[in-house]
N, C-alpha and C. Protein backbone atom coordinates (compact mmCIF):
# COMPACT_ATOMS: atom_id res chain seq x y z
N UNK A 1 169.68 81.51 160.17
CA UNK A 1 171.09 81.32 159.96
C UNK A 1 171.58 80.26 160.94
N UNK A 2 172.75 79.71 160.65
CA UNK A 2 173.30 78.70 161.54
C UNK A 2 174.81 78.77 161.55
N UNK A 3 175.40 78.24 162.62
CA UNK A 3 176.85 78.20 162.76
C UNK A 3 177.19 77.01 163.66
N UNK A 4 178.36 76.42 163.43
CA UNK A 4 178.85 75.33 164.25
C UNK A 4 180.04 75.84 165.05
N UNK A 5 180.09 75.48 166.32
CA UNK A 5 181.20 75.89 167.17
C UNK A 5 181.19 75.12 168.47
N UNK A 6 182.05 75.54 169.38
CA UNK A 6 182.21 74.87 170.67
C UNK A 6 181.72 75.81 171.77
N UNK A 7 180.90 75.28 172.68
CA UNK A 7 180.39 76.10 173.78
C UNK A 7 181.54 76.48 174.70
N UNK A 8 181.75 77.78 174.85
CA UNK A 8 182.83 78.30 175.70
C UNK A 8 182.33 78.68 177.08
N UNK A 9 181.13 79.26 177.16
CA UNK A 9 180.59 79.73 178.44
C UNK A 9 179.07 79.73 178.41
N UNK A 10 178.49 79.49 179.58
CA UNK A 10 177.04 79.60 179.76
C UNK A 10 176.81 80.47 180.98
N UNK A 11 175.87 81.39 180.88
CA UNK A 11 175.62 82.31 181.98
C UNK A 11 174.23 82.06 182.56
N UNK A 12 174.01 82.58 183.75
CA UNK A 12 172.72 82.41 184.43
C UNK A 12 171.62 83.18 183.70
N UNK A 13 170.40 82.70 183.90
CA UNK A 13 169.23 83.38 183.36
C UNK A 13 169.03 84.70 184.10
N UNK A 14 168.75 85.75 183.35
CA UNK A 14 168.46 87.06 183.93
C UNK A 14 166.98 87.35 183.76
N UNK A 15 166.32 87.67 184.86
CA UNK A 15 164.91 88.05 184.80
C UNK A 15 164.88 89.58 184.68
N UNK A 16 164.56 90.06 183.48
CA UNK A 16 164.57 91.49 183.20
C UNK A 16 163.31 92.14 183.75
N UNK A 17 162.18 91.47 183.58
CA UNK A 17 160.91 91.93 184.14
C UNK A 17 160.08 90.68 184.43
N UNK A 18 158.91 90.86 184.98
CA UNK A 18 158.09 89.67 185.28
C UNK A 18 157.62 88.97 184.01
N UNK A 19 157.74 89.64 182.87
CA UNK A 19 157.29 89.04 181.61
C UNK A 19 158.43 88.77 180.62
N UNK A 20 159.69 89.04 181.02
CA UNK A 20 160.80 88.83 180.10
C UNK A 20 162.02 88.30 180.82
N UNK A 21 162.60 87.21 180.28
CA UNK A 21 163.85 86.67 180.81
C UNK A 21 164.75 86.31 179.65
N UNK A 22 166.07 86.34 179.91
CA UNK A 22 167.05 86.03 178.88
C UNK A 22 168.25 85.34 179.49
N UNK A 23 169.01 84.67 178.62
CA UNK A 23 170.21 83.97 179.05
C UNK A 23 171.22 84.03 177.92
N UNK A 24 172.48 84.29 178.24
CA UNK A 24 173.54 84.37 177.24
C UNK A 24 174.44 83.14 177.31
N UNK A 25 175.02 82.80 176.17
CA UNK A 25 176.07 81.80 176.12
C UNK A 25 177.04 82.20 175.01
N UNK A 26 178.27 81.66 175.08
CA UNK A 26 179.30 82.02 174.12
C UNK A 26 179.72 80.78 173.36
N UNK A 27 179.82 80.93 172.05
CA UNK A 27 180.24 79.86 171.16
C UNK A 27 181.57 80.26 170.53
N UNK A 28 182.56 79.35 170.59
CA UNK A 28 183.84 79.60 169.93
C UNK A 28 183.74 79.03 168.52
N UNK A 29 183.88 79.92 167.55
CA UNK A 29 183.81 79.56 166.15
C UNK A 29 185.24 79.59 165.61
N UNK A 30 185.57 78.69 164.72
CA UNK A 30 186.92 78.55 164.17
C UNK A 30 187.93 78.25 165.29
N UNK A 31 187.64 77.25 166.14
CA UNK A 31 188.50 77.00 167.30
C UNK A 31 189.93 76.60 166.95
N UNK A 32 190.18 76.02 165.79
CA UNK A 32 191.52 75.60 165.43
C UNK A 32 192.35 76.66 164.73
N UNK A 33 191.75 77.80 164.47
CA UNK A 33 192.47 78.85 163.75
C UNK A 33 193.32 79.67 164.72
N UNK A 34 194.27 80.44 164.20
CA UNK A 34 195.06 81.31 165.08
C UNK A 34 194.22 82.42 165.72
N UNK A 35 193.05 82.71 165.11
CA UNK A 35 192.19 83.78 165.62
C UNK A 35 190.76 83.26 165.82
N UNK A 36 190.55 82.43 166.82
CA UNK A 36 189.19 81.93 167.05
C UNK A 36 188.25 83.08 167.40
N UNK A 37 187.01 82.95 167.01
CA UNK A 37 186.00 83.97 167.28
C UNK A 37 185.09 83.50 168.41
N UNK A 38 184.86 84.34 169.38
CA UNK A 38 183.99 84.03 170.51
C UNK A 38 182.73 84.86 170.35
N UNK A 39 181.64 84.19 169.97
CA UNK A 39 180.41 84.88 169.61
C UNK A 39 179.39 84.68 170.72
N UNK A 40 178.81 85.77 171.20
CA UNK A 40 177.81 85.73 172.26
C UNK A 40 176.41 85.63 171.66
N UNK A 41 175.64 84.65 172.14
CA UNK A 41 174.27 84.43 171.70
C UNK A 41 173.34 84.69 172.87
N UNK A 42 172.10 85.02 172.56
CA UNK A 42 171.08 85.27 173.57
C UNK A 42 169.93 84.28 173.37
N UNK A 43 169.44 83.72 174.48
CA UNK A 43 168.23 82.91 174.50
C UNK A 43 167.19 83.70 175.27
N UNK A 44 165.94 83.71 174.81
CA UNK A 44 164.90 84.47 175.50
C UNK A 44 163.69 83.61 175.79
N UNK A 45 162.96 84.04 176.83
CA UNK A 45 161.69 83.45 177.25
C UNK A 45 161.79 81.94 177.43
N UNK A 46 160.99 81.16 176.72
CA UNK A 46 160.94 79.71 176.91
C UNK A 46 162.17 79.01 176.34
N UNK A 47 163.07 79.72 175.68
CA UNK A 47 164.27 79.12 175.10
C UNK A 47 165.48 79.14 176.05
N UNK A 48 165.37 79.79 177.21
CA UNK A 48 166.54 79.94 178.10
C UNK A 48 167.11 78.61 178.56
N UNK A 49 166.31 77.57 178.57
CA UNK A 49 166.80 76.27 179.04
C UNK A 49 167.45 75.44 177.94
N UNK A 50 167.44 75.90 176.69
CA UNK A 50 168.00 75.11 175.58
C UNK A 50 169.46 74.73 175.81
N UNK A 51 170.24 75.59 176.39
CA UNK A 51 171.66 75.35 176.57
C UNK A 51 171.94 74.42 177.76
N UNK A 52 170.94 74.15 178.60
CA UNK A 52 171.12 73.27 179.76
C UNK A 52 171.58 71.87 179.36
N UNK A 53 171.16 71.40 178.21
CA UNK A 53 171.46 70.03 177.79
C UNK A 53 172.85 69.86 177.19
N UNK A 54 173.65 70.92 177.18
CA UNK A 54 174.97 70.88 176.57
C UNK A 54 176.03 71.34 177.55
N UNK A 55 177.21 70.72 177.45
CA UNK A 55 178.32 71.03 178.36
C UNK A 55 179.29 72.00 177.71
N UNK A 56 179.99 72.73 178.54
CA UNK A 56 181.07 73.58 178.05
C UNK A 56 182.09 72.67 177.39
N UNK A 57 182.56 73.07 176.20
CA UNK A 57 183.51 72.26 175.44
C UNK A 57 182.85 71.37 174.40
N UNK A 58 181.53 71.30 174.40
CA UNK A 58 180.81 70.45 173.46
C UNK A 58 180.59 71.20 172.13
N UNK A 59 180.74 70.46 171.02
CA UNK A 59 180.52 71.05 169.70
C UNK A 59 179.04 70.99 169.36
N UNK A 60 178.48 72.13 168.95
CA UNK A 60 177.05 72.23 168.66
C UNK A 60 176.81 73.05 167.40
N UNK A 61 175.63 72.88 166.85
CA UNK A 61 175.16 73.75 165.76
C UNK A 61 174.08 74.63 166.36
N UNK A 62 174.20 75.93 166.16
CA UNK A 62 173.24 76.89 166.70
C UNK A 62 172.50 77.54 165.53
N UNK A 63 171.18 77.49 165.58
CA UNK A 63 170.35 78.18 164.60
C UNK A 63 169.87 79.47 165.27
N UNK A 64 169.95 80.58 164.55
CA UNK A 64 169.71 81.87 165.19
C UNK A 64 169.15 82.89 164.21
N UNK A 65 168.63 83.97 164.77
CA UNK A 65 168.20 85.14 164.01
C UNK A 65 169.11 86.29 164.38
N UNK A 66 169.53 87.04 163.39
CA UNK A 66 170.37 88.21 163.59
C UNK A 66 169.46 89.43 163.57
N UNK A 67 169.50 90.21 164.64
CA UNK A 67 168.64 91.39 164.74
C UNK A 67 169.49 92.63 164.99
N UNK A 68 169.02 93.76 164.49
CA UNK A 68 169.71 95.02 164.71
C UNK A 68 168.69 96.13 164.90
N UNK A 69 169.08 97.13 165.70
CA UNK A 69 168.16 98.24 165.89
C UNK A 69 168.94 99.54 166.05
N UNK A 70 168.24 100.61 165.76
CA UNK A 70 168.80 101.94 165.85
C UNK A 70 168.23 102.63 167.08
N UNK A 71 169.07 103.41 167.79
CA UNK A 71 168.61 104.17 168.95
C UNK A 71 169.18 105.57 168.86
N UNK A 72 168.32 106.55 169.06
CA UNK A 72 168.75 107.95 169.04
C UNK A 72 168.65 108.48 170.47
N UNK A 73 169.78 108.96 170.99
CA UNK A 73 169.82 109.47 172.35
C UNK A 73 169.09 110.81 172.43
N UNK A 74 168.74 111.26 173.65
CA UNK A 74 168.12 112.59 173.80
C UNK A 74 168.99 113.72 173.25
N UNK A 75 170.30 113.49 173.17
CA UNK A 75 171.20 114.50 172.62
C UNK A 75 171.29 114.42 171.09
N UNK A 76 170.60 113.48 170.49
CA UNK A 76 170.59 113.35 169.04
C UNK A 76 171.63 112.40 168.46
N UNK A 77 172.43 111.78 169.32
CA UNK A 77 173.45 110.84 168.85
C UNK A 77 172.79 109.50 168.50
N UNK A 78 173.14 108.96 167.34
CA UNK A 78 172.56 107.69 166.90
C UNK A 78 173.53 106.55 167.17
N UNK A 79 172.99 105.47 167.76
CA UNK A 79 173.79 104.26 168.01
C UNK A 79 173.03 103.08 167.43
N UNK A 80 173.80 102.03 167.10
CA UNK A 80 173.23 100.82 166.54
C UNK A 80 173.60 99.64 167.41
N UNK A 81 172.65 98.74 167.63
CA UNK A 81 172.84 97.57 168.47
C UNK A 81 172.46 96.31 167.71
N UNK A 82 173.22 95.24 167.95
CA UNK A 82 172.93 93.95 167.33
C UNK A 82 172.58 92.93 168.41
N UNK A 83 171.72 92.00 168.07
CA UNK A 83 171.38 90.89 168.94
C UNK A 83 171.40 89.62 168.11
N UNK A 84 172.01 88.58 168.66
CA UNK A 84 172.00 87.28 167.99
C UNK A 84 171.13 86.36 168.85
N UNK A 85 169.90 86.15 168.41
CA UNK A 85 168.92 85.36 169.15
C UNK A 85 168.94 83.91 168.70
N UNK A 86 169.44 83.03 169.54
CA UNK A 86 169.45 81.59 169.25
C UNK A 86 168.06 81.04 169.50
N UNK A 87 167.62 80.13 168.64
CA UNK A 87 166.31 79.53 168.83
C UNK A 87 166.35 78.01 168.76
N UNK A 88 167.53 77.46 168.43
CA UNK A 88 167.69 76.01 168.44
C UNK A 88 169.16 75.68 168.59
N UNK A 89 169.45 74.64 169.36
CA UNK A 89 170.82 74.16 169.54
C UNK A 89 170.80 72.65 169.31
N UNK A 90 171.71 72.17 168.45
CA UNK A 90 171.78 70.75 168.14
C UNK A 90 173.19 70.24 168.40
N UNK A 91 173.28 69.02 168.90
CA UNK A 91 174.58 68.38 169.10
C UNK A 91 175.16 68.00 167.74
N UNK A 92 176.47 68.21 167.58
CA UNK A 92 177.15 67.80 166.36
C UNK A 92 177.66 66.39 166.61
N UNK A 93 177.54 65.50 165.60
CA UNK A 93 177.91 64.10 165.74
C UNK A 93 179.37 63.87 166.02
N UNK A 94 179.72 62.62 166.20
CA UNK A 94 181.08 62.23 166.59
C UNK A 94 182.03 62.10 165.41
N UNK A 95 181.60 62.47 164.20
CA UNK A 95 182.47 62.41 163.04
C UNK A 95 182.15 61.25 162.12
N UNK A 96 181.30 60.32 162.55
CA UNK A 96 180.89 59.23 161.69
C UNK A 96 179.76 59.73 160.81
N UNK A 97 179.76 59.32 159.55
CA UNK A 97 178.77 59.86 158.62
C UNK A 97 177.35 59.56 159.05
N UNK A 98 177.10 58.43 159.70
CA UNK A 98 175.73 58.10 160.11
C UNK A 98 175.24 59.01 161.22
N UNK A 99 176.14 59.52 162.05
CA UNK A 99 175.70 60.38 163.15
C UNK A 99 175.37 61.78 162.68
N UNK A 100 175.77 62.14 161.47
CA UNK A 100 175.47 63.48 160.95
C UNK A 100 174.20 63.50 160.13
N UNK A 101 173.62 62.34 159.86
CA UNK A 101 172.41 62.34 159.05
C UNK A 101 171.24 62.86 159.88
N UNK A 102 170.29 63.48 159.18
CA UNK A 102 169.12 64.01 159.86
C UNK A 102 167.93 63.90 158.93
N UNK A 103 166.76 64.26 159.44
CA UNK A 103 165.57 64.21 158.61
C UNK A 103 165.57 65.31 157.57
N UNK A 104 166.44 66.28 157.72
CA UNK A 104 166.56 67.37 156.76
C UNK A 104 167.47 66.90 155.62
N UNK A 105 166.91 66.69 154.44
CA UNK A 105 167.67 66.11 153.34
C UNK A 105 168.72 67.05 152.77
N UNK A 106 168.66 68.34 153.08
CA UNK A 106 169.65 69.25 152.53
C UNK A 106 170.69 69.66 153.56
N UNK A 107 170.96 68.80 154.56
CA UNK A 107 171.96 69.14 155.55
C UNK A 107 173.34 69.12 154.90
N UNK A 108 174.23 69.97 155.41
CA UNK A 108 175.56 70.10 154.84
C UNK A 108 176.60 69.68 155.86
N UNK A 109 177.77 69.26 155.41
CA UNK A 109 178.82 68.87 156.35
C UNK A 109 179.27 70.06 157.18
N UNK A 110 179.71 69.77 158.39
CA UNK A 110 180.19 70.84 159.27
C UNK A 110 181.59 71.26 158.86
N UNK A 111 182.05 72.37 159.43
CA UNK A 111 183.38 72.88 159.13
C UNK A 111 184.45 71.91 159.60
N UNK A 112 184.18 71.16 160.66
CA UNK A 112 185.14 70.18 161.16
C UNK A 112 185.32 69.05 160.15
N UNK A 113 184.26 68.70 159.42
CA UNK A 113 184.33 67.62 158.44
C UNK A 113 185.05 68.06 157.17
N UNK A 114 184.85 69.30 156.76
CA UNK A 114 185.39 69.76 155.48
C UNK A 114 186.75 70.43 155.62
N UNK A 115 187.11 70.87 156.82
CA UNK A 115 188.35 71.59 157.01
C UNK A 115 188.25 73.05 156.61
N UNK A 116 187.07 73.50 156.18
CA UNK A 116 186.84 74.88 155.78
C UNK A 116 186.30 75.64 156.98
N UNK A 117 186.76 76.86 157.24
CA UNK A 117 186.24 77.62 158.37
C UNK A 117 184.73 77.78 158.28
N UNK A 118 184.04 77.78 159.42
CA UNK A 118 182.58 77.89 159.39
C UNK A 118 182.14 79.24 158.84
N UNK A 119 181.00 79.23 158.20
CA UNK A 119 180.43 80.43 157.63
C UNK A 119 179.02 80.57 158.17
N UNK A 120 178.63 81.75 158.55
CA UNK A 120 177.28 81.99 158.98
C UNK A 120 176.41 81.94 157.74
N UNK A 121 175.42 81.06 157.75
CA UNK A 121 174.58 80.88 156.57
C UNK A 121 173.12 81.08 156.92
N UNK A 122 172.36 81.48 155.94
CA UNK A 122 170.93 81.65 156.12
C UNK A 122 170.24 80.33 155.88
N UNK A 123 169.26 79.99 156.72
CA UNK A 123 168.50 78.75 156.54
C UNK A 123 167.24 79.00 155.75
N UNK A 124 167.00 80.24 155.34
CA UNK A 124 165.79 80.59 154.61
C UNK A 124 166.14 81.42 153.39
N UNK A 125 165.49 81.14 152.28
CA UNK A 125 165.70 81.95 151.10
C UNK A 125 164.79 83.17 151.11
N UNK A 126 163.87 83.25 152.06
CA UNK A 126 162.90 84.33 152.12
C UNK A 126 163.28 85.42 153.10
N UNK A 127 164.53 85.40 153.62
CA UNK A 127 164.87 86.45 154.59
C UNK A 127 164.93 87.80 153.90
N UNK A 128 164.79 88.85 154.69
CA UNK A 128 164.73 90.19 154.13
C UNK A 128 166.02 90.97 154.32
N UNK A 129 167.12 90.28 154.61
CA UNK A 129 168.40 90.96 154.76
C UNK A 129 168.91 91.37 153.39
N UNK A 130 169.55 92.53 153.29
CA UNK A 130 170.00 93.02 152.00
C UNK A 130 171.29 92.38 151.51
N UNK A 131 171.82 91.39 152.22
CA UNK A 131 173.07 90.74 151.79
C UNK A 131 172.98 89.27 151.94
């Protein structure tokens, strides 16, 4: 899946164990609307440095996987958790049509170009999500 937005915050890398590290960042989606959405993404392992090349306030496209899991407490209470794992971050062009071209022939215009609010879209037709 992918979404375009503006980087609102970047946080330090957290070393969870000697074999696992993660880093969070926040993307503001629909920044011009009366109700902008601030979405938190997670980078893990060798991807934690991906956000280093981008500044707060910069418009980017984030490609990510949406994950969810179920947890049952010792008392029998069930809770559900979601994780949005970013795996690629790309700079969005300056608005000129040539800067938005890429080697991917099926690229689509960003929400800033069309004036339509951004939509989370799947980049694969083979995903196993039920919606």
